[in-house]
Amino acid sequence: MAKTKVTFKTVRLSDSDWKILADYPDTEQREITGFASKADADDWINGDRKIAWLRSQGYAK
């Protein structure tokens, strides 16, 4: 079975409110909210929190 590729995109809601959109093939898009800046959201995408979230969703070991 091929691995599912999840893509992440940061979205600005206001100067101090950002979210991440997680796109799964053939499923509904998911939102991760609560980021104070683009840098905070980028840190989440590039760090351990993304892996922990993927594990909680069943997409990583």
C-alpha atoms as a PDB file:
ATOM      1  CA  MET A   1       0.000   0.000   0.000  1.00  0.00           C
ATOM      2  CA  ALA A   2       1.336   3.424  -0.942  1.00  0.00           C
ATOM      3  CA  LYS A   3       1.839   6.046   1.741  1.00  0.00           C
ATOM      4  CA  THR A   4      -0.721   8.820   1.837  1.00  0.00           C
ATOM      5  CA  LYS A   5       0.777  12.227   1.089  1.00  0.00           C
ATOM      6  CA  VAL A   6      -0.584  14.944   3.359  1.00  0.00           C
ATOM      7  CA  THR A   7       0.089  18.537   2.285  1.00  0.00           C
ATOM      8  CA  PHE A   8       0.032  21.529   4.619  1.00  0.00           C
ATOM      9  CA  LYS A   9      -0.721  25.169   3.837  1.00  0.00           C
ATOM     10  CA  THR A  10      -0.647  28.183   6.182  1.00  0.00           C
ATOM     11  CA  VAL A  11      -3.544  30.624   6.025  1.00  0.00           C
ATOM     12  CA  ARG A  12      -3.664  34.095   7.584  1.00  0.00           C
ATOM     13  CA  LEU A  13      -6.971  35.004   9.227  1.00  0.00           C
ATOM     14  CA  SER A  14      -5.662  38.209  10.821  1.00  0.00           C
ATOM     15  CA  ASP A  15      -2.305  39.628  11.933  1.00  0.00           C
ATOM     16  CA  SER A  16      -2.258  37.451  15.041  1.00  0.00           C
ATOM     17  CA  ASP A  17      -4.444  34.522  13.952  1.00  0.00           C
ATOM     18  CA  TRP A  18      -3.155  31.834  11.607  1.00  0.00           C
ATOM     19  CA  LYS A  19      -4.238  28.302  10.784  1.00  0.00           C
ATOM     20  CA  ILE A  20      -2.898  25.351   8.852  1.00  0.00           C
ATOM     21  CA  LEU A  21      -4.942  23.463   6.281  1.00  0.00           C
ATOM     22  CA  ALA A  22      -4.086  19.780   5.979  1.00  0.00           C
ATOM     23  CA  ASP A  23      -5.084  18.195   2.658  1.00  0.00           C
ATOM     24  CA  TYR A  24      -5.577  14.451   2.492  1.00  0.00           C
ATOM     25  CA  PRO A  25      -6.209  12.747  -0.849  1.00  0.00           C
ATOM     26  CA  ASP A  26      -9.846  11.635  -1.157  1.00  0.00           C
ATOM     27  CA  THR A  27     -10.875  12.993   2.269  1.00  0.00           C
ATOM     28  CA  GLU A  28     -12.095  16.215   3.790  1.00  0.00           C
ATOM     29  CA  GLN A  29      -9.581  19.004   4.431  1.00  0.00           C
ATOM     30  CA  ARG A  30      -8.688  19.466   8.108  1.00  0.00           C
ATOM     31  CA  GLU A  31      -7.819  22.651   9.968  1.00  0.00           C
ATOM     32  CA  ILE A  32      -5.242  23.075  12.698  1.00  0.00           C
ATOM     33  CA  THR A  33      -5.873  26.378  14.467  1.00  0.00           C
ATOM     34  CA  GLY A  34      -4.397  28.514  17.213  1.00  0.00           C
ATOM     35  CA  PHE A  35      -1.225  29.947  15.714  1.00  0.00           C
ATOM     36  CA  ALA A  36      -0.217  33.510  16.620  1.00  0.00           C
ATOM     37  CA  SER A  37       2.053  34.093  13.615  1.00  0.00           C
ATOM     38  CA  LYS A  38       3.223  32.613  10.331  1.00  0.00           C
ATOM     39  CA  ALA A  39       6.508  31.732  12.011  1.00  0.00           C
ATOM     40  CA  ASP A  40       4.619  29.756  14.686  1.00  0.00           C
ATOM     41  CA  ALA A  41       2.666  27.863  12.000  1.00  0.00           C
ATOM     42  CA  ASP A  42       5.851  27.242   9.998  1.00  0.00           C
ATOM     43  CA  ASP A  43       7.582  25.926  13.129  1.00  0.00           C
ATOM     44  CA  TRP A  44       4.668  23.500  13.608  1.00  0.00           C
ATOM     45  CA  ILE A  45       4.934  22.280  10.002  1.00  0.00           C
ATOM     46  CA  ASN A  46       8.719  21.856  10.199  1.00  0.00           C
ATOM     47  CA  GLY A  47       8.887  20.379  13.690  1.00  0.00           C
ATOM     48  CA  ASP A  48       7.900  17.494  15.904  1.00  0.00           C
ATOM     49  CA  ARG A  49       4.355  18.753  16.443  1.00  0.00           C
ATOM     50  CA  LYS A  50       3.457  17.889  12.834  1.00  0.00           C
ATOM     51  CA  ILE A  51       4.724  14.330  13.272  1.00  0.00           C
ATOM     52  CA  ALA A  52       2.807  13.967  16.551  1.00  0.00           C
ATOM     53  CA  TRP A  53      -0.361  15.240  14.849  1.00  0.00           C
ATOM     54  CA  LEU A  54       0.106  12.865  11.892  1.00  0.00           C
ATOM     55  CA  ARG A  55       0.526   9.979  14.363  1.00  0.00           C
ATOM     56  CA  SER A  56      -2.673  10.966  16.158  1.00  0.00           C
ATOM     57  CA  GLN A  57      -4.479  10.880  12.801  1.00  0.00           C
ATOM     58  CA  GLY A  58      -3.028   7.471  11.892  1.00  0.00           C
ATOM     59  CA  TYR A  59      -0.803   8.762   9.077  1.00  0.00           C
ATOM     60  CA  ALA A  60       2.618   8.228  10.694  1.00  0.00           C
ATOM     61  CA  LYS A  61       4.309   5.627  12.888  1.00  0.00           C
END
